Amino acid sequence: MAVPRLRAYEGPAVLSYGFRPFFLLGAAYSGLSILAWLPIYMGLLETRSLFLPVDWHVHEMLFGFLAAVVAGFLLTAIPNWTGRLPVQGTPLAVLVALWIAGRVAIYYSASLGWWQAAIIDNAFLVALTLAAVREIVAGRNWRNLKVLMPLAVLLLANILFHVEVQTAGISDVSRRLGLGAAIVLIMIIGGRIIPSFTRNWLVRENPGRLPVPFGQYDVASLVVSTAALTLWVFLPEALLTGVLLAIAAVSQAVRLTRWAGERTVRDALVLMLHIAYAFVPFGLGLLALSALLPGSVPQAAGFHALGGGAIGAMTLAVMMRATLGHTGRMLKAGLAGGVIFGAVCVAAIVRVWAAFEPGLAWVHISGTAWMIAFLGFALLYSPALLRARRSS
């Protein structure tokens, strides 16, 4: 669909479109939070948070970093879906301020109090959800309301996260609910953009087999995968959970093969999307094995394959492509882009390995690779994100 026209806007370029501030801040925060997490993990640094260190880490990856990237994506995609004008200027600045306030509130929650921190932290996701619903309803773009369901579940998971930490001392169901919502969002959005970008490139550059159009198989795969993740949220070690997760892993792997990714090796930006999505069946498979073979495969392996791999690699691949496309740059990853994407894949794979072979060295290698990926993105793409779009 055609990119909608913009209002007459003379403010800072960074506030001209939602992807600009949220991709930049989200990537920078992701890298810097891991920079803080490593000494926290070793007991060399303490937060002023009511959350246990591991809960602070999980929360800020899911509801800090990921929420920012989701905001950047939705605030950029929704105008294309509806044809309405994008959120920019002061309203966008308010959303950014709410997100920043949430990060500060979580870190200093011991001083603020748990319910004050919870209100401040959840204000951003509430505002984002309401803004997205308003735009989609006003644009009568009813079919895309389903995309907001995982966002609503992510908000619910964040609320539950605060309640669990306050009542039980540590998160449990809420961290799995947040991760599950994120993976369902990736399956929905990924199933839309990956075949589309692949088809566009293949038609132009490599005629032949094309991605299979969205159909009944995709619907069935999404249904079984969502059901498996829902059961995993509440009964992670049940036999039925393991069986459904195994079916989901196979169905998502087959789904990926239907998108002709092996034919895109000459376009790194398209290939990255396929590689990133491959972490979805990989992570689902590890979770299935942890339920079916208790004691053989740790839950942490699947959790990090989905969190570090599917979320980390997919967000980075989408941010790179969207930033280049929406700022008038050539859609080329380049050597630097390849390095930072490779780094996030290394970070995920090493962290999965560390679940099987615990060791501080593996955590450091994974954390360092993650910082290279996301701080690298912030440095490499900040000129495009902070400056006005290039004229065609």
Protein backbone atom coordinates (compact mmCIF):
# COMPACT_ATOMS: atom_id res chain seq x y z
CA MET A 1 0.00 0.00 0.00
CA ALA A 2 1.11 3.54 -0.65
CA VAL A 3 2.83 5.36 2.18
CA PRO A 4 0.38 8.04 3.42
CA ARG A 5 1.13 11.71 3.11
CA LEU A 6 2.59 13.49 6.13
CA ARG A 7 1.35 16.57 7.90
CA ALA A 8 3.36 19.73 7.40
CA TYR A 9 6.00 19.05 10.03
CA GLU A 10 8.95 21.24 10.93
CA GLY A 11 10.07 19.67 14.20
CA PRO A 12 12.98 17.30 14.86
CA ALA A 13 13.25 14.57 12.23
CA VAL A 14 13.44 11.95 14.96
CA LEU A 15 9.81 12.71 15.88
CA SER A 16 8.50 12.65 12.32
CA TYR A 17 7.69 8.92 12.35
CA GLY A 18 7.30 6.29 15.07
CA PHE A 19 10.10 4.00 13.95
CA ARG A 20 12.73 6.72 14.37
CA PRO A 21 12.78 7.27 18.16
CA PHE A 22 11.67 3.79 19.16
CA PHE A 23 14.10 1.84 16.99
CA LEU A 24 16.98 4.05 18.12
CA LEU A 25 16.09 4.07 21.82
CA GLY A 26 15.05 0.42 21.86
CA ALA A 27 18.30 -0.77 20.28
CA ALA A 28 20.48 1.46 22.44
CA TYR A 29 18.64 0.43 25.60
CA SER A 30 18.88 -3.25 24.70
CA GLY A 31 22.66 -3.04 24.37
CA LEU A 32 23.16 -0.85 27.44
CA SER A 33 20.90 -2.98 29.63
CA ILE A 34 23.03 -6.03 28.82
CA LEU A 35 26.11 -3.95 29.61
CA ALA A 36 24.57 -3.44 33.06
CA TRP A 37 23.26 -7.01 33.29
CA LEU A 38 26.66 -8.67 33.08
CA PRO A 39 28.01 -7.09 36.32
CA ILE A 40 24.57 -7.54 37.91
CA TYR A 41 24.70 -11.24 36.99
CA MET A 42 28.11 -11.53 38.66
CA GLY A 43 26.95 -9.72 41.78
CA LEU A 44 29.16 -6.69 41.15
CA LEU A 45 26.29 -4.22 40.63
CA GLU A 46 22.90 -3.82 42.26
CA THR A 47 19.77 -2.23 40.84
CA ARG A 48 17.43 -0.18 42.98
CA SER A 49 14.56 -2.29 41.79
CA LEU A 50 12.05 -4.37 43.72
CA PHE A 51 12.62 -7.04 41.09
CA LEU A 52 15.17 -9.78 41.56
CA PRO A 53 18.08 -9.28 39.14
CA VAL A 54 16.87 -12.01 36.78
CA ASP A 55 13.36 -10.53 36.80
CA TRP A 56 14.71 -7.06 36.02
CA HIS A 57 16.63 -8.55 33.09
CA VAL A 58 13.66 -10.53 31.71
CA HIS A 59 11.25 -7.65 32.23
CA GLU A 60 13.38 -5.05 30.49
CA MET A 61 14.03 -7.31 27.51
CA LEU A 62 10.32 -8.09 27.04
CA PHE A 63 8.54 -4.97 28.23
CA GLY A 64 11.31 -2.42 27.69
CA PHE A 65 13.32 -3.25 24.58
CA LEU A 66 10.72 -5.36 22.76
CA ALA A 67 7.86 -2.98 23.57
CA ALA A 68 9.84 -0.11 22.03
CA VAL A 69 10.48 -2.02 18.79
CA VAL A 70 6.83 -3.13 18.60
CA ALA A 71 5.80 0.51 19.04
CA GLY A 72 8.13 1.63 16.27
CA PHE A 73 6.82 -1.07 13.95
CA LEU A 74 3.10 -0.50 14.64
CA LEU A 75 3.29 3.30 14.50
CA THR A 76 4.90 2.94 11.08
CA ALA A 77 2.78 0.08 9.73
CA ILE A 78 -0.66 1.24 10.83
CA PRO A 79 -0.66 4.40 8.63
CA ASN A 80 0.16 2.13 5.68
CA TRP A 81 -2.71 -0.19 6.62
CA THR A 82 -5.27 2.56 7.16
CA GLY A 83 -4.09 5.42 4.91
CA ARG A 84 -4.36 7.76 7.90
CA LEU A 85 -1.73 10.26 8.96
CA PRO A 86 1.01 8.91 11.26
CA VAL A 87 1.52 9.84 14.91
CA GLN A 88 4.28 12.45 14.99
CA GLY A 89 5.48 15.52 16.86
CA THR A 90 4.12 16.11 20.36
CA PRO A 91 1.90 12.97 20.57
CA LEU A 92 4.87 10.84 19.56
CA ALA A 93 7.09 12.64 22.07
CA VAL A 94 4.55 11.83 24.80
CA LEU A 95 4.70 8.13 23.94
CA VAL A 96 8.50 8.25 24.02
CA ALA A 97 8.43 10.01 27.39
CA LEU A 98 6.08 7.34 28.79
CA TRP A 99 8.44 4.60 27.64
CA ILE A 100 11.46 6.31 29.22
CA ALA A 101 9.52 6.92 32.44
CA GLY A 102 8.75 3.21 32.61
CA ARG A 103 12.41 2.26 32.38
CA VAL A 104 13.33 4.68 35.17
CA ALA A 105 10.41 3.54 37.32
CA ILE A 106 11.42 -0.12 37.09
CA TYR A 107 15.04 0.58 37.96
CA TYR A 108 14.09 2.74 40.97
CA SER A 109 10.97 0.81 42.00
CA ALA A 110 12.36 0.13 45.48
CA SER A 111 12.16 3.86 46.13
CA LEU A 112 8.91 4.49 44.24
CA GLY A 113 6.88 1.60 45.59
CA TRP A 114 5.56 -1.34 43.62
CA TRP A 115 2.15 -0.01 42.60
CA GLN A 116 3.51 3.40 41.62
CA ALA A 117 6.18 1.73 39.49
CA ALA A 118 3.58 -0.61 37.98
CA ILE A 119 1.31 2.27 36.96
CA ILE A 120 4.14 4.27 35.40
CA ASP A 121 5.55 1.23 33.63
CA ASN A 122 2.21 0.07 32.19
CA ALA A 123 1.18 3.56 31.07
CA PHE A 124 3.22 3.21 27.89
CA LEU A 125 1.67 -0.06 26.71
CA VAL A 126 -1.81 1.20 27.62
CA ALA A 127 -1.28 4.39 25.60
CA LEU A 128 0.23 2.49 22.66
CA THR A 129 -2.62 -0.03 22.59
CA LEU A 130 -5.27 2.69 22.73
CA ALA A 131 -3.54 4.70 20.01
CA ALA A 132 -3.27 1.65 17.75
CA VAL A 133 -6.91 0.65 18.30
CA ARG A 134 -8.07 4.21 17.62
CA GLU A 135 -6.19 4.43 14.32
CA ILE A 136 -7.29 1.02 13.06
CA VAL A 137 -10.94 1.59 14.03
CA ALA A 138 -10.95 5.12 12.58
CA GLY A 139 -9.49 3.76 9.37
CA ARG A 140 -12.06 0.91 9.35
CA ASN A 141 -9.18 -1.50 8.85
CA TRP A 142 -10.92 -4.28 10.77
CA ARG A 143 -8.78 -7.17 9.55
CA ASN A 144 -5.71 -5.79 11.27
CA LEU A 145 -7.34 -5.67 14.69
CA LYS A 146 -6.10 -9.24 15.16
CA VAL A 147 -2.52 -7.96 15.12
CA LEU A 148 -3.30 -6.02 18.29
CA MET A 149 -4.40 -9.10 20.25
CA PRO A 150 -0.80 -10.14 21.07
CA LEU A 151 -0.12 -6.51 22.05
CA ALA A 152 -3.05 -6.63 24.49
CA VAL A 153 -1.72 -9.91 25.89
CA LEU A 154 1.72 -8.33 26.26
CA LEU A 155 0.10 -5.56 28.32
CA LEU A 156 -1.72 -8.15 30.44
CA ALA A 157 1.55 -10.02 30.96
CA ASN A 158 3.26 -6.84 32.13
CA ILE A 159 0.52 -6.16 34.67
CA LEU A 160 0.72 -9.76 35.87
CA PHE A 161 4.52 -9.52 36.06
CA HIS A 162 4.27 -6.75 38.65
CA VAL A 163 1.60 -8.63 40.62
CA GLU A 164 3.59 -11.88 40.63
CA VAL A 165 6.78 -10.19 41.77
CA GLN A 166 4.91 -8.44 44.58
CA THR A 167 2.97 -11.51 45.75
CA ALA A 168 5.30 -14.42 44.96
CA GLY A 169 8.69 -12.67 44.93
CA ILE A 170 9.55 -13.82 41.41
CA SER A 171 7.87 -13.90 38.01
CA ASP A 172 6.72 -17.22 36.58
CA VAL A 173 3.55 -17.36 34.48
CA SER A 174 3.92 -13.71 33.46
CA ARG A 175 7.36 -14.10 31.88
CA ARG A 176 6.13 -17.03 29.80
CA LEU A 177 2.96 -15.14 28.88
CA GLY A 178 5.01 -12.15 27.72
CA LEU A 179 7.35 -14.32 25.66
CA GLY A 180 4.44 -16.28 24.21
CA ALA A 181 2.66 -13.09 23.14
CA ALA A 182 5.85 -11.87 21.46
CA ILE A 183 6.29 -15.11 19.52
CA VAL A 184 2.67 -15.11 18.36
CA LEU A 185 3.18 -11.53 17.15
CA ILE A 186 6.29 -12.63 15.24
CA MET A 187 4.37 -15.53 13.69
CA ILE A 188 1.58 -13.20 12.55
CA ILE A 189 3.72 -10.30 11.31
CA GLY A 190 6.52 -12.54 10.03
CA GLY A 191 3.99 -14.58 8.10
CA ARG A 192 2.92 -11.38 6.40
CA ILE A 193 6.14 -9.53 5.65
CA ILE A 194 8.59 -12.38 4.96
CA PRO A 195 6.67 -13.95 2.04
CA SER A 196 5.80 -10.48 0.74
CA PHE A 197 9.37 -9.15 0.68
CA THR A 198 10.60 -12.49 -0.67
CA ARG A 199 8.05 -12.52 -3.49
CA ASN A 200 8.85 -8.92 -4.45
CA TRP A 201 12.56 -9.62 -4.67
CA LEU A 202 12.22 -12.95 -6.48
CA VAL A 203 9.85 -11.58 -9.12
CA ARG A 204 12.33 -8.82 -9.83
CA GLU A 205 15.68 -10.58 -9.43
CA ASN A 206 15.32 -14.38 -9.48
CA PRO A 207 12.20 -15.61 -11.32
CA GLY A 208 11.08 -19.12 -10.47
CA ARG A 209 9.46 -20.71 -7.42
CA LEU A 210 7.68 -18.12 -5.26
CA PRO A 211 6.46 -18.21 -1.64
CA VAL A 212 3.20 -20.08 -1.17
CA PRO A 213 0.39 -17.56 -0.54
CA PHE A 214 -1.17 -17.36 2.91
CA GLY A 215 -3.80 -20.06 3.21
CA GLN A 216 -5.42 -22.72 5.35
CA TYR A 217 -2.09 -24.28 6.25
CA ASP A 218 -0.88 -20.98 7.74
CA VAL A 219 -4.10 -20.60 9.72
CA ALA A 220 -3.82 -24.15 11.10
CA SER A 221 -0.14 -23.64 11.95
CA LEU A 222 -0.91 -20.39 13.79
CA VAL A 223 -3.78 -22.00 15.71
CA VAL A 224 -1.78 -25.01 16.88
CA SER A 225 1.27 -22.90 17.71
CA THR A 226 -0.79 -20.40 19.72
CA ALA A 227 -2.52 -23.25 21.54
CA ALA A 228 0.84 -24.88 22.33
CA LEU A 229 2.31 -21.64 23.68
CA THR A 230 -0.83 -20.98 25.73
CA LEU A 231 -0.57 -24.41 27.34
CA TRP A 232 3.16 -23.85 27.92
CA VAL A 233 2.42 -20.62 29.77
CA PHE A 234 0.38 -22.44 32.40
CA LEU A 235 1.64 -26.06 32.23
CA PRO A 236 5.21 -25.90 30.90
CA GLU A 237 6.16 -29.44 31.91
CA ALA A 238 2.97 -31.32 30.97
CA LEU A 239 3.16 -34.15 28.45
CA LEU A 240 0.36 -32.64 26.33
CA THR A 241 2.28 -29.37 26.26
CA GLY A 242 5.34 -31.15 24.90
CA VAL A 243 3.32 -32.91 22.21
CA LEU A 244 1.62 -29.71 21.05
CA LEU A 245 4.90 -27.80 21.09
CA ALA A 246 6.51 -30.52 18.95
CA ILE A 247 3.66 -30.29 16.44
CA ALA A 248 3.96 -26.50 16.47
CA ALA A 249 7.71 -26.68 15.88
CA VAL A 250 7.30 -28.95 12.87
CA SER A 251 4.42 -26.90 11.46
CA GLN A 252 6.39 -23.64 11.74
CA ALA A 253 9.47 -25.23 10.17
CA VAL A 254 7.38 -26.43 7.22
CA ARG A 255 5.75 -23.01 7.03
CA LEU A 256 9.17 -21.41 6.71
CA THR A 257 10.21 -23.77 3.89
CA ARG A 258 7.11 -22.70 1.93
CA TRP A 259 8.50 -19.15 1.69
CA ALA A 260 11.40 -20.00 -0.65
CA GLY A 261 14.05 -18.50 1.59
CA GLU A 262 16.84 -20.60 0.06
CA ARG A 263 16.36 -18.62 -3.17
CA THR A 264 17.18 -15.27 -1.52
CA VAL A 265 20.86 -15.74 -0.71
CA ARG A 266 21.80 -12.79 -2.93
CA ASP A 267 19.72 -10.35 -0.87
CA ALA A 268 20.98 -10.27 2.70
CA LEU A 269 18.10 -8.19 4.06
CA VAL A 270 15.52 -10.72 2.85
CA LEU A 271 17.62 -13.72 3.85
CA MET A 272 18.01 -12.29 7.38
CA LEU A 273 14.25 -12.42 7.87
CA HIS A 274 14.19 -16.13 7.01
CA ILE A 275 17.13 -16.88 9.30
CA ALA A 276 15.50 -14.94 12.13
CA TYR A 277 12.21 -16.80 11.73
CA ALA A 278 14.05 -20.14 11.87
CA PHE A 279 14.59 -19.50 15.59
CA VAL A 280 10.82 -19.89 16.10
CA PRO A 281 10.63 -23.63 15.28
CA PHE A 282 14.06 -24.11 16.88
CA GLY A 283 12.86 -22.60 20.16
CA LEU A 284 9.51 -24.39 20.07
CA GLY A 285 11.34 -27.65 19.49
CA LEU A 286 13.61 -27.11 22.49
CA LEU A 287 10.62 -26.30 24.70
CA ALA A 288 8.93 -29.47 23.45
CA LEU A 289 11.97 -31.58 24.34
CA SER A 290 12.20 -30.01 27.80
CA ALA A 291 8.64 -31.20 28.47
CA LEU A 292 8.94 -34.58 26.78
CA LEU A 293 12.43 -35.41 28.12
CA PRO A 294 12.53 -33.93 31.64
CA GLY A 295 16.07 -33.29 32.83
CA SER A 296 17.61 -33.66 29.38
CA VAL A 297 16.81 -30.27 27.88
CA PRO A 298 16.56 -27.26 30.22
CA GLN A 299 13.63 -24.88 29.82
CA ALA A 300 16.14 -22.04 29.64
CA ALA A 301 17.41 -23.34 26.30
CA GLY A 302 14.05 -22.91 24.59
CA PHE A 303 13.38 -19.65 26.41
CA HIS A 304 16.61 -18.11 25.14
CA ALA A 305 16.19 -19.54 21.63
CA LEU A 306 12.88 -17.72 21.39
CA GLY A 307 13.88 -14.63 23.39
CA GLY A 308 17.42 -14.07 22.17
CA GLY A 309 17.01 -15.76 18.80
CA ALA A 310 13.50 -15.22 17.43
CA ILE A 311 12.92 -11.86 19.12
CA GLY A 312 16.49 -10.58 18.92
CA ALA A 313 17.18 -11.56 15.31
CA MET A 314 13.73 -10.67 13.98
CA THR A 315 13.63 -7.24 15.61
CA LEU A 316 17.10 -6.43 14.29
CA ALA A 317 16.29 -7.62 10.76
CA VAL A 318 13.02 -5.65 10.70
CA MET A 319 14.63 -2.50 12.14
CA MET A 320 17.40 -2.57 9.54
CA ARG A 321 15.06 -3.00 6.59
CA ALA A 322 12.43 -0.52 7.82
CA THR A 323 15.01 2.14 8.64
CA LEU A 324 16.64 1.93 5.23
CA GLY A 325 13.36 1.83 3.34
CA HIS A 326 11.58 4.62 5.21
CA THR A 327 14.54 7.01 5.18
CA GLY A 328 15.17 6.77 1.44
CA ARG A 329 18.33 4.64 1.65
CA MET A 330 19.21 1.71 -0.58
CA LEU A 331 17.90 -1.62 0.68
CA LYS A 332 21.36 -3.08 1.17
CA ALA A 333 22.65 -4.53 4.43
CA GLY A 334 26.32 -3.99 3.62
CA LEU A 335 29.22 -5.52 5.52
CA ALA A 336 28.40 -3.70 8.76
CA GLY A 337 24.79 -4.81 8.62
CA GLY A 338 25.87 -8.39 8.08
CA VAL A 339 28.22 -8.18 11.07
CA ILE A 340 25.62 -6.91 13.50
CA PHE A 341 23.05 -9.47 12.34
CA GLY A 342 25.64 -12.22 12.64
CA ALA A 343 26.40 -10.98 16.15
CA VAL A 344 22.80 -11.33 17.34
CA CYS A 345 22.67 -14.88 15.97
CA VAL A 346 25.91 -15.72 17.79
CA ALA A 347 24.50 -14.19 20.98
CA ALA A 348 21.39 -16.37 20.79
CA ILE A 349 23.16 -19.62 19.91
CA VAL A 350 25.82 -19.21 22.58
CA ARG A 351 23.18 -18.39 25.22
CA VAL A 352 21.26 -21.53 24.28
CA TRP A 353 24.48 -23.52 24.61
CA ALA A 354 25.08 -21.96 28.03
CA ALA A 355 21.79 -23.48 29.21
CA PHE A 356 23.32 -26.92 28.58
CA GLU A 357 26.87 -26.08 29.68
CA PRO A 358 26.61 -23.36 32.35
CA GLY A 359 29.62 -21.11 32.53
CA LEU A 360 30.29 -17.44 33.08
CA ALA A 361 32.42 -17.29 29.93
CA TRP A 362 29.47 -18.29 27.72
CA VAL A 363 27.27 -15.63 29.30
CA HIS A 364 29.96 -13.01 28.66
CA ILE A 365 30.41 -14.09 25.03
CA SER A 366 26.67 -14.01 24.44
CA GLY A 367 26.26 -10.65 26.16
CA THR A 368 29.15 -9.10 24.27
CA ALA A 369 27.77 -10.32 20.94
CA TRP A 370 24.36 -8.91 21.84
CA MET A 371 25.87 -5.52 22.65
CA ILE A 372 27.78 -5.52 19.35
CA ALA A 373 24.51 -6.20 17.53
CA PHE A 374 22.26 -3.60 19.13
CA LEU A 375 24.73 -0.87 20.03
CA GLY A 376 26.13 -1.44 16.55
CA PHE A 377 22.67 -0.84 15.08
CA ALA A 378 22.24 2.33 17.14
CA LEU A 379 25.58 3.70 15.96
CA LEU A 380 25.28 2.57 12.35
CA TYR A 381 21.70 3.69 11.77
CA SER A 382 21.47 6.75 14.02
CA PRO A 383 22.35 9.16 11.15
CA ALA A 384 19.39 7.84 9.14
CA LEU A 385 17.06 7.85 12.14
CA LEU A 386 17.98 11.36 13.28
CA ARG A 387 17.98 13.09 9.90
CA ALA A 388 15.21 13.90 7.46
CA ARG A 389 14.30 11.36 4.78
CA ARG A 390 16.43 11.53 1.66
CA SER A 391 14.58 12.82 -1.37
CA SER A 392 14.13 10.30 -4.16
